[in-house]
PDB file of all heavy atoms in Angstrom:
ATOM      1  N   GLU A   1     149.187  57.331  27.219  1.00  0.00           N
ATOM      2  CA  GLU A   1     149.314  56.113  26.418  1.00  0.00           C
ATOM      3  C   GLU A   1     149.915  55.009  27.307  1.00  0.00           C
ATOM      4  O   GLU A   1     150.781  55.289  28.146  1.00  0.00           O
ATOM      5  CB  GLU A   1     150.187  56.361  25.205  1.00  0.00           C
ATOM      6  CG  GLU A   1     149.627  57.361  24.233  1.00  0.00           C
ATOM      7  CD  GLU A   1     148.327  56.901  23.573  1.00  0.00           C
ATOM      8  OE1 GLU A   1     148.108  55.670  23.445  1.00  0.00           O
ATOM      9  OE2 GLU A   1     147.524  57.787  23.230  1.00  0.00           O
ATOM     10  N   THR A   2     149.492  53.810  27.097  1.00  0.00           N
ATOM     11  CA  THR A   2     150.001  52.685  27.924  1.00  0.00           C
ATOM     12  C   THR A   2     151.507  52.566  27.752  1.00  0.00           C
ATOM     13  O   THR A   2     152.226  52.306  28.716  1.00  0.00           O
ATOM     14  CB  THR A   2     149.272  51.388  27.563  1.00  0.00           C
ATOM     15  OG1 THR A   2     147.860  51.576  27.771  1.00  0.00           O
ATOM     16  CG2 THR A   2     149.774  50.245  28.409  1.00  0.00           C
ATOM     17  N   VAL A   3     152.041  52.757  26.546  1.00  0.00           N
ATOM     18  CA  VAL A   3     153.475  52.664  26.349  1.00  0.00           C
ATOM     19  C   VAL A   3     154.181  53.725  27.188  1.00  0.00           C
ATOM     20  O   VAL A   3     155.264  53.462  27.751  1.00  0.00           O
ATOM     21  CB  VAL A   3     153.849  52.811  24.853  1.00  0.00           C
ATOM     22  CG1 VAL A   3     153.553  54.190  24.295  1.00  0.00           C
ATOM     23  CG2 VAL A   3     155.296  52.424  24.647  1.00  0.00           C
ATOM     24  N   THR A   4     153.640  54.914  27.362  1.00  0.00           N
ATOM     25  CA  THR A   4     154.218  55.948  28.183  1.00  0.00           C
ATOM     26  C   THR A   4     154.266  55.502  29.644  1.00  0.00           C
ATOM     27  O   THR A   4     155.208  55.803  30.357  1.00  0.00           O
ATOM     28  CB  THR A   4     153.408  57.263  28.032  1.00  0.00           C
ATOM     29  OG1 THR A   4     153.422  57.630  26.642  1.00  0.00           O
ATOM     30  CG2 THR A   4     154.032  58.385  28.865  1.00  0.00           C
ATOM     31  N   LEU A   5     153.213  54.807  30.100  1.00  0.00           N
ATOM     32  CA  LEU A   5     153.219  54.329  31.481  1.00  0.00           C
ATOM     33  C   LEU A   5     154.311  53.337  31.681  1.00  0.00           C
ATOM     34  O   LEU A   5     155.019  53.361  32.693  1.00  0.00           O
ATOM     35  CB  LEU A   5     151.860  53.720  31.814  1.00  0.00           C
ATOM     36  CG  LEU A   5     150.663  54.690  31.821  1.00  0.00           C
ATOM     37  CD1 LEU A   5     149.348  53.925  32.020  1.00  0.00           C
ATOM     38  CD2 LEU A   5     150.849  55.745  32.873  1.00  0.00           C
ATOM     39  N   TYR A   6     154.497  52.419  30.725  1.00  0.00           N
ATOM     40  CA  TYR A   6     155.593  51.439  30.866  1.00  0.00           C
ATOM     41  C   TYR A   6     156.947  52.165  30.855  1.00  0.00           C
ATOM     42  O   TYR A   6     157.849  51.805  31.619  1.00  0.00           O
ATOM     43  CB  TYR A   6     155.537  50.375  29.767  1.00  0.00           C
ATOM     44  CG  TYR A   6     154.528  49.303  30.046  1.00  0.00           C
ATOM     45  CD1 TYR A   6     153.345  49.212  29.317  1.00  0.00           C
ATOM     46  CD2 TYR A   6     154.757  48.357  31.051  1.00  0.00           C
ATOM     47  CE1 TYR A   6     152.412  48.230  29.573  1.00  0.00           C
ATOM     48  CE2 TYR A   6     153.826  47.351  31.323  1.00  0.00           C
ATOM     49  CZ  TYR A   6     152.647  47.292  30.584  1.00  0.00           C
ATOM     50  OH  TYR A   6     151.737  46.313  30.851  1.00  0.00           O
ATOM     51  N   GLU A   7     157.101  53.151  29.968  1.00  0.00           N
ATOM     52  CA  GLU A   7     158.375  53.867  29.866  1.00  0.00           C
ATOM     53  C   GLU A   7     158.695  54.604  31.155  1.00  0.00           C
ATOM     54  O   GLU A   7     159.872  54.854  31.441  1.00  0.00           O
ATOM     55  CB  GLU A   7     158.334  54.877  28.720  1.00  0.00           C
ATOM     56  CG  GLU A   7     158.338  54.197  27.362  1.00  0.00           C
ATOM     57  CD  GLU A   7     158.081  55.179  26.196  1.00  0.00           C
ATOM     58  OE1 GLU A   7     157.610  56.281  26.458  1.00  0.00           O
ATOM     59  OE2 GLU A   7     158.376  54.783  25.059  1.00  0.00           O
ATOM     60  N   SER A   8     157.688  54.971  31.900  1.00  0.00           N
ATOM     61  CA  SER A   8     157.909  55.755  33.121  1.00  0.00           C
ATOM     62  C   SER A   8     157.604  54.989  34.402  1.00  0.00           C
ATOM     63  O   SER A   8     157.428  55.592  35.455  1.00  0.00           O
ATOM     64  CB  SER A   8     157.101  57.066  33.065  1.00  0.00           C
ATOM     65  OG  SER A   8     155.716  56.782  32.933  1.00  0.00           O
ATOM     66  N   VAL A   9     157.564  53.684  34.328  1.00  0.00           N
ATOM     67  CA  VAL A   9     157.216  52.882  35.486  1.00  0.00           C
ATOM     68  C   VAL A   9     158.121  53.193  36.695  1.00  0.00           C
ATOM     69  O   VAL A   9     157.644  53.196  37.851  1.00  0.00           O
ATOM     70  CB  VAL A   9     157.221  51.372  35.181  1.00  0.00           C
ATOM     71  CG1 VAL A   9     158.649  50.876  34.870  1.00  0.00           C
ATOM     72  CG2 VAL A   9     156.623  50.561  36.315  1.00  0.00           C
ATOM     73  N   GLN A  10     159.379  53.503  36.463  1.00  0.00           N
ATOM     74  CA  GLN A  10     160.300  53.809  37.542  1.00  0.00           C
ATOM     75  C   GLN A  10     159.928  55.104  38.272  1.00  0.00           C
ATOM     76  O   GLN A  10     160.388  55.347  39.390  1.00  0.00           O
ATOM     77  CB  GLN A  10     161.770  53.877  37.039  1.00  0.00           C
ATOM     78  CG  GLN A  10     162.052  55.094  36.169  1.00  0.00           C
ATOM     79  CD  GLN A  10     161.573  54.992  34.738  1.00  0.00           C
ATOM     80  OE1 GLN A  10     161.076  53.937  34.287  1.00  0.00           O
ATOM     81  NE2 GLN A  10     161.699  56.044  33.976  1.00  0.00           N
ATOM     82  N   GLU A  11     159.079  55.920  37.727  1.00  0.00           N
ATOM     83  CA  GLU A  11     158.653  57.175  38.371  1.00  0.00           C
ATOM     84  C   GLU A  11     157.481  56.966  39.300  1.00  0.00           C
ATOM     85  O   GLU A  11     157.225  57.803  40.152  1.00  0.00           O
ATOM     86  CB  GLU A  11     158.239  58.213  37.297  1.00  0.00           C
ATOM     87  CG  GLU A  11     159.368  58.639  36.393  1.00  0.00           C
ATOM     88  CD  GLU A  11     158.947  59.652  35.362  1.00  0.00           C
ATOM     89  OE1 GLU A  11     157.729  60.018  35.281  1.00  0.00           O
ATOM     90  OE2 GLU A  11     159.797  60.142  34.621  1.00  0.00           O
ATOM     91  N   PHE A  12     156.799  55.836  39.182  1.00  0.00           N
ATOM     92  CA  PHE A  12     155.551  55.604  39.925  1.00  0.00           C
ATOM     93  C   PHE A  12     155.760  54.947  41.280  1.00  0.00           C
ATOM     94  O   PHE A  12     156.611  54.120  41.493  1.00  0.00           O
ATOM     95  CB  PHE A  12     154.613  54.718  39.100  1.00  0.00           C
ATOM     96  CG  PHE A  12     153.789  55.507  38.107  1.00  0.00           C
ATOM     97  CD1 PHE A  12     154.243  55.711  36.819  1.00  0.00           C
ATOM     98  CD2 PHE A  12     152.540  56.025  38.459  1.00  0.00           C
ATOM     99  CE1 PHE A  12     153.507  56.431  35.910  1.00  0.00           C
ATOM    100  CE2 PHE A  12     151.801  56.741  37.558  1.00  0.00           C
ATOM    101  CZ  PHE A  12     152.280  56.955  36.260  1.00  0.00           C
ATOM    102  N   THR A  13     154.891  55.377  42.187  1.00  0.00           N
ATOM    103  CA  THR A  13     154.691  54.744  43.483  1.00  0.00           C
ATOM    104  C   THR A  13     153.243  54.228  43.451  1.00  0.00           C
ATOM    105  O   THR A  13     152.371  54.902  42.915  1.00  0.00           O
ATOM    106  CB  THR A  13     154.839  55.784  44.624  1.00  0.00           C
ATOM    107  OG1 THR A  13     156.194  56.268  44.583  1.00  0.00           O
ATOM    108  CG2 THR A  13     154.516  55.205  45.973  1.00  0.00           C
ATOM    109  N   VAL A  14     153.038  53.059  44.021  1.00  0.00           N
ATOM    110  CA  VAL A  14     151.678  52.500  44.003  1.00  0.00           C
ATOM    111  C   VAL A  14     151.247  52.125  45.419  1.00  0.00           C
ATOM    112  O   VAL A  14     152.082  51.890  46.293  1.00  0.00           O
ATOM    113  CB  VAL A  14     151.545  51.229  43.116  1.00  0.00           C
ATOM    114  CG1 VAL A  14     151.692  51.608  41.649  1.00  0.00           C
ATOM    115  CG2 VAL A  14     152.568  50.186  43.481  1.00  0.00           C
ATOM    116  N   ALA A  15     149.933  52.098  45.589  1.00  0.00           N
ATOM    117  CA  ALA A  15     149.315  51.570  46.795  1.00  0.00           C
ATOM    118  C   ALA A  15     148.699  50.209  46.405  1.00  0.00           C
ATOM    119  O   ALA A  15     147.987  50.128  45.396  1.00  0.00           O
ATOM    120  CB  ALA A  15     148.238  52.530  47.302  1.00  0.00           C
ATOM    121  N   ILE A  16     148.981  49.213  47.198  1.00  0.00           N
ATOM    122  CA  ILE A  16     148.527  47.839  46.903  1.00  0.00           C
ATOM    123  C   ILE A  16     147.657  47.354  48.050  1.00  0.00           C
ATOM    124  O   ILE A  16     148.018  47.459  49.231  1.00  0.00           O
ATOM    125  CB  ILE A  16     149.715  46.874  46.720  1.00  0.00           C
ATOM    126  CG1 ILE A  16     150.694  47.371  45.660  1.00  0.00           C
ATOM    127  CG2 ILE A  16     149.254  45.449  46.474  1.00  0.00           C
ATOM    128  CD1 ILE A  16     150.149  47.351  44.249  1.00  0.00           C
ATOM    129  N   GLU A  17     146.514  46.809  47.709  1.00  0.00           N
ATOM    130  CA  GLU A  17     145.628  46.157  48.675  1.00  0.00           C
ATOM    131  C   GLU A  17     145.188  44.836  48.044  1.00  0.00           C
ATOM    132  O   GLU A  17     144.684  44.798  46.918  1.00  0.00           O
ATOM    133  CB  GLU A  17     144.388  47.019  48.951  1.00  0.00           C
ATOM    134  CG  GLU A  17     143.445  46.386  49.982  1.00  0.00           C
ATOM    135  CD  GLU A  17     142.205  47.198  50.201  1.00  0.00           C
ATOM    136  OE1 GLU A  17     141.552  47.609  49.199  1.00  0.00           O
ATOM    137  OE2 GLU A  17     141.829  47.440  51.358  1.00  0.00           O
ATOM    138  N   ASN A  18     145.370  43.767  48.769  1.00  0.00           N
ATOM    139  CA  ASN A  18     145.027  42.416  48.279  1.00  0.00           C
ATOM    140  C   ASN A  18     145.596  42.157  46.876  1.00  0.00           C
ATOM    141  O   ASN A  18     144.913  41.688  45.986  1.00  0.00           O
ATOM    142  CB  ASN A  18     143.514  42.212  48.287  1.00  0.00           C
ATOM    143  CG  ASN A  18     142.906  42.310  49.644  1.00  0.00           C
ATOM    144  OD1 ASN A  18     143.518  41.910  50.636  1.00  0.00           O
ATOM    145  ND2 ASN A  18     141.738  42.902  49.748  1.00  0.00           N
ATOM    146  N   ASN A  19     146.894  42.477  46.714  1.00  0.00           N
ATOM    147  CA  ASN A  19     147.619  42.284  45.465  1.00  0.00           C
ATOM    148  C   ASN A  19     147.033  43.049  44.277  1.00  0.00           C
ATOM    149  O   ASN A  19     147.281  42.700  43.113  1.00  0.00           O
ATOM    150  CB  ASN A  19     147.686  40.765  45.087  1.00  0.00           C
ATOM    151  CG  ASN A  19     148.476  40.001  46.115  1.00  0.00           C
ATOM    152  OD1 ASN A  19     149.541  40.457  46.533  1.00  0.00           O
ATOM    153  ND2 ASN A  19     147.952  38.857  46.517  1.00  0.00           N
ATOM    154  N   GLU A  20     146.283  44.084  44.534  1.00  0.00           N
ATOM    155  CA  GLU A  20     145.682  44.937  43.479  1.00  0.00           C
ATOM    156  C   GLU A  20     146.155  46.376  43.663  1.00  0.00           C
ATOM    157  O   GLU A  20     146.207  46.904  44.796  1.00  0.00           O
ATOM    158  CB  GLU A  20     144.140  44.853  43.591  1.00  0.00           C
ATOM    159  CG  GLU A  20     143.420  45.663  42.545  1.00  0.00           C
ATOM    160  CD  GLU A  20     141.926  45.607  42.723  1.00  0.00           C
ATOM    161  OE1 GLU A  20     141.427  44.669  43.376  1.00  0.00           O
ATOM    162  OE2 GLU A  20     141.261  46.499  42.159  1.00  0.00           O
ATOM    163  N   VAL A  21     146.429  47.055  42.553  1.00  0.00           N
ATOM    164  CA  VAL A  21     146.813  48.476  42.571  1.00  0.00           C
ATOM    165  C   VAL A  21     145.534  49.254  42.886  1.00  0.00           C
ATOM    166  O   VAL A  21     144.566  49.183  42.145  1.00  0.00           O
ATOM    167  CB  VAL A  21     147.398  48.930  41.241  1.00  0.00           C
ATOM    168  CG1 VAL A  21     147.665  50.429  41.268  1.00  0.00           C
ATOM    169  CG2 VAL A  21     148.701  48.182  40.933  1.00  0.00           C
ATOM    170  N   VAL A  22     145.594  50.001  44.004  1.00  0.00           N
ATOM    171  CA  VAL A  22     144.426  50.801  44.415  1.00  0.00           C
ATOM    172  C   VAL A  22     144.757  52.297  44.453  1.00  0.00           C
ATOM    173  O   VAL A  22     143.915  53.132  44.816  1.00  0.00           O
ATOM    174  CB  VAL A  22     143.823  50.363  45.753  1.00  0.00           C
ATOM    175  CG1 VAL A  22     143.261  48.946  45.624  1.00  0.00           C
ATOM    176  CG2 VAL A  22     144.887  50.423  46.864  1.00  0.00           C
ATOM    177  N   GLY A  23     145.995  52.641  44.135  1.00  0.00           N
ATOM    178  CA  GLY A  23     146.383  54.036  44.079  1.00  0.00           C
ATOM    179  C   GLY A  23     147.735  54.168  43.383  1.00  0.00           C
ATOM    180  O   GLY A  23     148.490  53.195  43.316  1.00  0.00           O
ATOM    181  N   CYS A  24     147.996  55.366  42.887  1.00  0.00           N
ATOM    182  CA  CYS A  24     149.277  55.598  42.204  1.00  0.00           C
ATOM    183  C   CYS A  24     149.628  57.071  42.253  1.00  0.00           C
ATOM    184  O   CYS A  24     148.815  57.931  42.551  1.00  0.00           O
ATOM    185  CB  CYS A  24     149.197  55.138  40.769  1.00  0.00           C
ATOM    186  SG  CYS A  24     147.994  55.995  39.731  1.00  0.00           S
ATOM    187  N   GLY A  25     150.881  57.321  41.935  1.00  0.00           N
ATOM    188  CA  GLY A  25     151.385  58.694  41.801  1.00  0.00           C
ATOM    189  C   GLY A  25     152.781  58.601  41.261  1.00  0.00           C
ATOM    190  O   GLY A  25     153.466  57.581  41.444  1.00  0.00           O
ATOM    191  N   ALA A  26     153.234  59.665  40.590  1.00  0.00           N
ATOM    192  CA  ALA A  26     154.574  59.630  39.968  1.00  0.00           C
ATOM    193  C   ALA A  26     155.320  60.871  40.315  1.00  0.00           C
ATOM    194  O   ALA A  26     154.763  61.943  40.548  1.00  0.00           O
ATOM    195  CB  ALA A  26     154.445  59.465  38.466  1.00  0.00           C
ATOM    196  N   LEU A  27     156.655  60.744  40.283  1.00  0.00           N
ATOM    197  CA  LEU A  27     157.571  61.862  40.436  1.00  0.00           C
ATOM    198  C   LEU A  27     158.422  61.959  39.173  1.00  0.00           C
ATOM    199  O   LEU A  27     159.157  61.038  38.862  1.00  0.00           O
ATOM    200  CB  LEU A  27     158.481  61.648  41.663  1.00  0.00           C
ATOM    201  CG  LEU A  27     159.493  62.778  41.913  1.00  0.00           C
ATOM    202  CD1 LEU A  27     158.754  64.012  42.412  1.00  0.00           C
ATOM    203  CD2 LEU A  27     160.519  62.336  42.942  1.00  0.00           C
ATOM    204  N   HIS A  28     158.255  63.045  38.437  1.00  0.00           N
ATOM    205  CA  HIS A  28     158.941  63.248  37.167  1.00  0.00           C
ATOM    206  C   HIS A  28     159.912  64.420  37.327  1.00  0.00           C
ATOM    207  O   HIS A  28     159.476  65.565  37.553  1.00  0.00           O
ATOM    208  CB  HIS A  28     157.924  63.549  36.059  1.00  0.00           C
ATOM    209  CG  HIS A  28     158.509  63.731  34.737  1.00  0.00           C
ATOM    210  ND1 HIS A  28     158.975  62.693  33.953  1.00  0.00           N
ATOM    211  CD2 HIS A  28     158.780  64.865  34.006  1.00  0.00           C
ATOM    212  CE1 HIS A  28     159.453  63.165  32.816  1.00  0.00           C
ATOM    213  NE2 HIS A  28     159.338  64.479  32.816  1.00  0.00           N
ATOM    214  N   VAL A  29     161.183  64.148  37.201  1.00  0.00           N
ATOM    215  CA  VAL A  29     162.220  65.199  37.345  1.00  0.00           C
ATOM    216  C   VAL A  29     162.176  66.129  36.140  1.00  0.00           C
ATOM    217  O   VAL A  29     162.161  65.659  34.999  1.00  0.00           O
ATOM    218  CB  VAL A  29     163.634  64.584  37.530  1.00  0.00           C
ATOM    219  CG1 VAL A  29     164.687  65.678  37.561  1.00  0.00           C
ATOM    220  CG2 VAL A  29     163.664  63.770  38.801  1.00  0.00           C
ATOM    221  N   LEU A  30     162.125  67.423  36.427  1.00  0.00           N
ATOM    222  CA  LEU A  30     162.126  68.426  35.366  1.00  0.00           C
ATOM    223  C   LEU A  30     163.476  69.138  35.228  1.00  0.00           C
ATOM    224  O   LEU A  30     163.865  69.522  34.120  1.00  0.00           O
ATOM    225  CB  LEU A  30     161.044  69.505  35.673  1.00  0.00           C
ATOM    226  CG  LEU A  30     159.615  69.040  35.835  1.00  0.00           C
ATOM    227  CD1 LEU A  30     158.742  70.206  36.205  1.00  0.00           C
ATOM    228  CD2 LEU A  30     159.108  68.378  34.566  1.00  0.00           C
ATOM    229  N   TRP A  31     164.177  69.307  36.360  1.00  0.00           N
ATOM    230  CA  TRP A  31     165.455  70.009  36.334  1.00  0.00           C
ATOM    231  C   TRP A  31     166.243  69.594  37.583  1.00  0.00           C
ATOM    232  O   TRP A  31     165.704  68.824  38.417  1.00  0.00           O
ATOM    233  CB  TRP A  31     165.229  71.537  36.325  1.00  0.00           C
ATOM    234  CG  TRP A  31     166.441  72.312  35.912  1.00  0.00           C
ATOM    235  CD1 TRP A  31     167.195  73.075  36.743  1.00  0.00           C
ATOM    236  CD2 TRP A  31     167.024  72.391  34.617  1.00  0.00           C
ATOM    237  NE1 TRP A  31     168.246  73.649  35.996  1.00  0.00           N
ATOM    238  CE2 TRP A  31     168.141  73.228  34.691  1.00  0.00           C
ATOM    239  CE3 TRP A  31     166.705  71.833  33.383  1.00  0.00           C
ATOM    240  CZ2 TRP A  31     168.945  73.569  33.603  1.00  0.00           C
ATOM    241  CZ3 TRP A  31     167.507  72.126  32.293  1.00  0.00           C
ATOM    242  CH2 TRP A  31     168.614  72.997  32.413  1.00  0.00           C
TER     243      TRP A  31
END
């Protein structure tokens, strides 16, 4: 859900090319 993406924005790393998101990945702590 888009709201979930906003809630977890701090977990994401992005790849940017020409000011556009061209890749992403997240790190979510479990323990």
